[in-house]
Amino acid sequence: MSIKEIVLDTETTGLDVKDGHRIVEIGCIEIENYVPTKRQFHCYLNPERKVSEQAFKVHGYSDDFLLSQKKFKDIVDDFLLFIKGKKLVIHNSSFDISHLNNELALIGEKKINENQVIDTLKIARDKFPGSQISLDALCKKYKIDNSRRDKHNAILDCELLTKVYINLIDQKEPALNFQLDDKNDANIEDDKLSYCKKIIKPNVDEIKLHKNFLKSSLRKNFFN
């Protein structure tokens, strides 16, 4: 069965929506069965307010640059269509979802349900209790090259998170659905292997030829 998910990240003017902070960038990458498709959604946004000094240090998007961008209400239909019916894979989802739901509420749109979200921060916390679980730390743990991440960028962070996500859930390559001729041919534990190879047994004639070959080889070796 095909599973489509959206890896999502945002950049904002600051940390808390309670302080009036808004979204300045949205990045989304669609994955199908844990493999990126060619479908992406990416936009910069005019937040209609100043970027905080702290946020500017993180992503580097200036007020002048953002002033010429579209507003959230201008892209909301395309955004909602892109994510419709798919799980959202987000690192520290409470941050991104609070900002997205704030933007949706401001224009009278329905909020995103938390049940629609997979939080990779929670997965990492359960898998590596007591360890550093930031996106950079997880990239280092899984030997994922994040050298381009000198500043936060929503679409780049989605690319990195996609790789982190498939490692976190132990799906390092897409599952291939090969069927065995006989269920008793091999004792394979599905939860430990991402794929299995089809087992082909030799027929009676092939076994006979193989035995004759072995006998012939033994005679040659003995008399030589």
Protein backbone atom coordinates (compact mmCIF):
# COMPACT_ATOMS: atom_id res chain seq x y z
CA MET A 1 0.00 0.00 0.00
CA SER A 2 1.31 3.43 -0.93
CA ILE A 3 1.90 5.80 2.01
CA LYS A 4 2.31 9.50 1.25
CA GLU A 5 3.57 11.90 3.91
CA ILE A 6 4.69 15.52 3.97
CA VAL A 7 7.94 16.53 5.65
CA LEU A 8 7.36 20.11 6.80
CA ASP A 9 9.31 22.98 8.32
CA THR A 10 8.71 26.67 8.95
CA GLU A 11 10.76 29.74 9.79
CA THR A 12 9.24 32.59 11.78
CA THR A 13 9.75 36.13 13.05
CA GLY A 14 10.22 34.82 16.59
CA LEU A 15 9.44 32.04 19.02
CA ASP A 16 5.94 32.54 20.39
CA VAL A 17 2.65 33.28 18.64
CA LYS A 18 1.47 34.85 21.91
CA ASP A 19 3.95 37.64 21.21
CA GLY A 20 2.47 38.16 17.76
CA HIS A 21 5.14 36.30 15.83
CA ARG A 22 4.35 35.10 12.32
CA ILE A 23 5.62 32.68 9.66
CA VAL A 24 8.17 33.91 7.10
CA GLU A 25 8.85 30.63 5.25
CA ILE A 26 7.15 27.29 4.67
CA GLY A 27 8.90 24.26 3.19
CA CYS A 28 7.31 20.91 2.36
CA ILE A 29 8.65 17.76 0.70
CA GLU A 30 6.34 14.92 -0.26
CA ILE A 31 7.58 11.38 0.40
CA GLU A 32 5.95 8.15 -0.76
CA ASN A 33 6.83 4.95 1.08
CA TYR A 34 9.69 6.94 2.70
CA VAL A 35 11.17 7.99 -0.66
CA PRO A 36 11.02 11.67 -1.75
CA THR A 37 8.84 12.32 -4.78
CA LYS A 38 9.54 15.33 -6.98
CA ARG A 39 6.68 17.29 -5.39
CA GLN A 40 7.61 20.18 -3.12
CA PHE A 41 5.90 23.23 -1.72
CA HIS A 42 8.03 26.23 -0.79
CA CYS A 43 7.33 29.90 -0.23
CA TYR A 44 8.60 32.97 1.60
CA LEU A 45 5.97 35.09 3.32
CA ASN A 46 5.43 38.70 4.27
CA PRO A 47 4.72 38.38 8.02
CA GLU A 48 3.31 41.91 8.24
CA ARG A 49 5.58 42.66 11.17
CA LYS A 50 9.28 43.02 12.02
CA VAL A 51 11.60 40.03 12.30
CA SER A 52 13.12 39.74 15.78
CA GLU A 53 16.89 40.09 16.08
CA GLN A 54 17.17 36.53 17.42
CA ALA A 55 15.17 35.07 14.50
CA PHE A 56 17.22 37.03 11.95
CA LYS A 57 20.38 35.43 13.34
CA VAL A 58 18.80 32.00 12.83
CA HIS A 59 17.49 32.31 9.25
CA GLY A 60 18.85 35.60 7.89
CA TYR A 61 15.62 36.81 6.23
CA SER A 62 15.50 40.60 6.45
CA ASP A 63 12.43 42.81 6.72
CA ASP A 64 13.22 44.32 3.31
CA PHE A 65 13.39 40.90 1.66
CA LEU A 66 10.14 39.68 3.25
CA LEU A 67 8.22 42.87 2.48
CA SER A 68 7.99 41.93 -1.21
CA GLN A 69 6.75 38.37 -0.57
CA LYS A 70 3.17 37.07 -0.65
CA LYS A 71 1.05 37.00 2.49
CA PHE A 72 -0.15 33.74 4.05
CA LYS A 73 -3.71 34.34 2.83
CA ASP A 74 -2.39 34.41 -0.75
CA ILE A 75 -0.88 30.93 -0.59
CA VAL A 76 -3.14 29.15 1.89
CA ASP A 77 -5.27 27.35 -0.70
CA ASP A 78 -2.24 25.88 -2.46
CA PHE A 79 -0.66 24.93 0.87
CA LEU A 80 -3.77 23.18 2.21
CA LEU A 81 -4.24 21.33 -1.07
CA PHE A 82 -0.62 20.12 -0.96
CA ILE A 83 -0.91 18.67 2.55
CA LYS A 84 -4.51 17.42 2.26
CA GLY A 85 -5.04 13.86 3.48
CA LYS A 86 -1.38 13.28 4.38
CA LYS A 87 0.49 12.93 7.65
CA LEU A 88 2.86 15.79 8.44
CA VAL A 89 6.38 14.83 9.55
CA ILE A 90 7.80 17.67 11.67
CA HIS A 91 10.72 18.04 14.08
CA ASN A 92 9.39 19.67 17.26
CA SER A 93 5.89 19.87 15.81
CA SER A 94 4.40 21.94 18.64
CA PHE A 95 6.36 24.96 17.39
CA ASP A 96 5.43 24.69 13.70
CA ILE A 97 1.83 23.65 14.27
CA SER A 98 1.20 26.49 16.74
CA HIS A 99 2.41 29.00 14.13
CA LEU A 100 0.53 27.37 11.26
CA ASN A 101 -2.68 27.18 13.26
CA ASN A 102 -2.26 30.81 14.27
CA GLU A 103 -1.98 31.83 10.62
CA LEU A 104 -5.02 29.71 9.73
CA ALA A 105 -7.05 31.18 12.61
CA LEU A 106 -6.21 34.74 11.55
CA ILE A 107 -7.93 34.19 8.20
CA GLY A 108 -10.78 32.03 9.50
CA GLU A 109 -9.50 28.67 8.22
CA LYS A 110 -9.81 25.34 10.02
CA LYS A 111 -6.81 24.41 12.17
CA ILE A 112 -4.52 21.44 11.55
CA ASN A 113 -5.37 18.48 13.78
CA GLU A 114 -2.54 17.17 15.97
CA ASN A 115 -3.55 13.63 14.92
CA GLN A 116 -2.29 14.52 11.45
CA VAL A 117 1.25 15.02 12.76
CA ILE A 118 4.27 12.75 13.31
CA ASP A 119 6.79 14.46 15.59
CA THR A 120 10.33 13.21 14.94
CA LEU A 121 11.51 14.95 18.11
CA LYS A 122 9.29 12.61 20.16
CA ILE A 123 10.50 9.58 18.20
CA ALA A 124 14.13 10.60 18.79
CA ARG A 125 13.49 11.26 22.50
CA ASP A 126 12.08 7.74 22.93
CA LYS A 127 14.86 6.17 20.89
CA PHE A 128 17.78 8.09 22.42
CA PRO A 129 16.77 9.09 25.97
CA GLY A 130 19.16 11.60 27.48
CA SER A 131 20.95 12.28 24.18
CA GLN A 132 21.07 15.44 22.06
CA ILE A 133 18.18 15.21 19.59
CA SER A 134 18.29 18.46 17.64
CA LEU A 135 18.21 18.14 13.86
CA ASP A 136 21.96 18.84 13.70
CA ALA A 137 22.68 16.26 16.42
CA LEU A 138 20.63 13.61 14.63
CA CYS A 139 22.36 14.38 11.33
CA LYS A 140 25.68 13.80 13.07
CA LYS A 141 24.43 10.58 14.66
CA TYR A 142 23.31 9.18 11.30
CA LYS A 143 26.28 10.62 9.35
CA ILE A 144 24.05 12.87 7.23
CA ASP A 145 25.89 15.78 5.60
CA ASN A 146 24.46 19.03 6.97
CA SER A 147 27.41 21.25 6.00
CA ARG A 148 25.14 23.53 3.93
CA ARG A 149 23.11 24.41 7.03
CA ASP A 150 24.96 27.53 8.12
CA LYS A 151 21.53 29.23 8.42
CA HIS A 152 18.13 27.67 8.95
CA ASN A 153 16.21 27.24 5.70
CA ALA A 154 12.84 25.49 5.57
CA ILE A 155 13.33 23.46 2.40
CA LEU A 156 16.91 22.44 3.27
CA ASP A 157 15.78 21.44 6.75
CA CYS A 158 13.04 19.32 5.15
CA GLU A 159 15.65 17.53 3.02
CA LEU A 160 17.73 16.76 6.12
CA LEU A 161 14.71 15.76 8.19
CA THR A 162 13.58 13.36 5.46
CA LYS A 163 16.88 11.48 5.81
CA VAL A 164 16.74 11.61 9.59
CA TYR A 165 13.14 10.37 9.63
CA ILE A 166 13.79 7.23 7.56
CA ASN A 167 16.73 6.41 9.83
CA LEU A 168 14.71 6.99 12.99
CA ILE A 169 12.05 4.52 11.88
CA ASP A 170 14.64 2.06 10.52
CA GLN A 171 13.54 2.41 6.90
CA LYS A 172 16.96 2.97 5.33
CA GLU A 173 15.68 1.88 1.94
CA PRO A 174 12.16 1.33 0.56
CA ALA A 175 10.51 -1.96 1.36
CA LEU A 176 10.21 -4.28 -1.62
CA ASN A 177 7.29 -6.68 -1.60
CA PHE A 178 8.78 -9.95 -2.90
CA GLN A 179 6.73 -13.07 -2.22
CA LEU A 180 8.25 -16.42 -1.37
CA ASP A 181 7.18 -19.51 -3.33
CA ASP A 182 6.73 -21.35 -0.06
CA LYS A 183 6.09 -19.63 3.27
CA ASN A 184 8.25 -22.25 4.97
CA ASP A 185 11.24 -21.63 2.68
CA ALA A 186 12.79 -19.13 5.05
CA ASN A 187 12.35 -17.88 8.58
CA ILE A 188 12.29 -14.11 7.99
CA GLU A 189 11.30 -11.62 10.66
CA ASP A 190 9.49 -8.78 8.87
CA ASP A 191 10.26 -6.22 11.57
CA LYS A 192 14.01 -6.72 11.24
CA LEU A 193 14.42 -6.73 7.43
CA SER A 194 13.43 -3.96 5.05
CA TYR A 195 13.22 -6.43 2.17
CA CYS A 196 13.61 -10.11 1.38
CA LYS A 197 14.90 -11.94 -1.68
CA LYS A 198 12.92 -14.54 -3.57
CA ILE A 199 14.31 -18.01 -2.86
CA ILE A 200 14.65 -20.28 -5.90
CA LYS A 201 15.11 -24.00 -5.26
CA PRO A 202 16.97 -26.23 -7.76
CA ASN A 203 14.83 -28.81 -9.51
CA VAL A 204 15.48 -32.59 -9.50
CA ASP A 205 17.53 -32.59 -12.73
CA GLU A 206 19.71 -29.72 -11.50
CA ILE A 207 20.42 -31.52 -8.23
CA LYS A 208 21.36 -34.71 -10.16
CA LEU A 209 23.72 -32.79 -12.46
CA HIS A 210 25.33 -31.12 -9.46
CA LYS A 211 25.94 -34.48 -7.72
CA ASN A 212 27.48 -35.95 -10.88
CA PHE A 213 29.72 -32.90 -11.19
CA LEU A 214 30.94 -33.35 -7.61
CA LYS A 215 31.66 -37.06 -8.17
CA SER A 216 33.59 -36.29 -11.34
CA SER A 217 35.63 -33.62 -9.56
CA LEU A 218 36.46 -35.96 -6.70
CA ARG A 219 37.72 -38.68 -9.10
CA LYS A 220 39.95 -36.21 -10.94
CA ASN A 221 41.42 -34.85 -7.71
CA PHE A 222 42.02 -38.37 -6.34
CA PHE A 223 43.86 -39.74 -9.42
CA ASN A 224 45.81 -36.54 -9.98
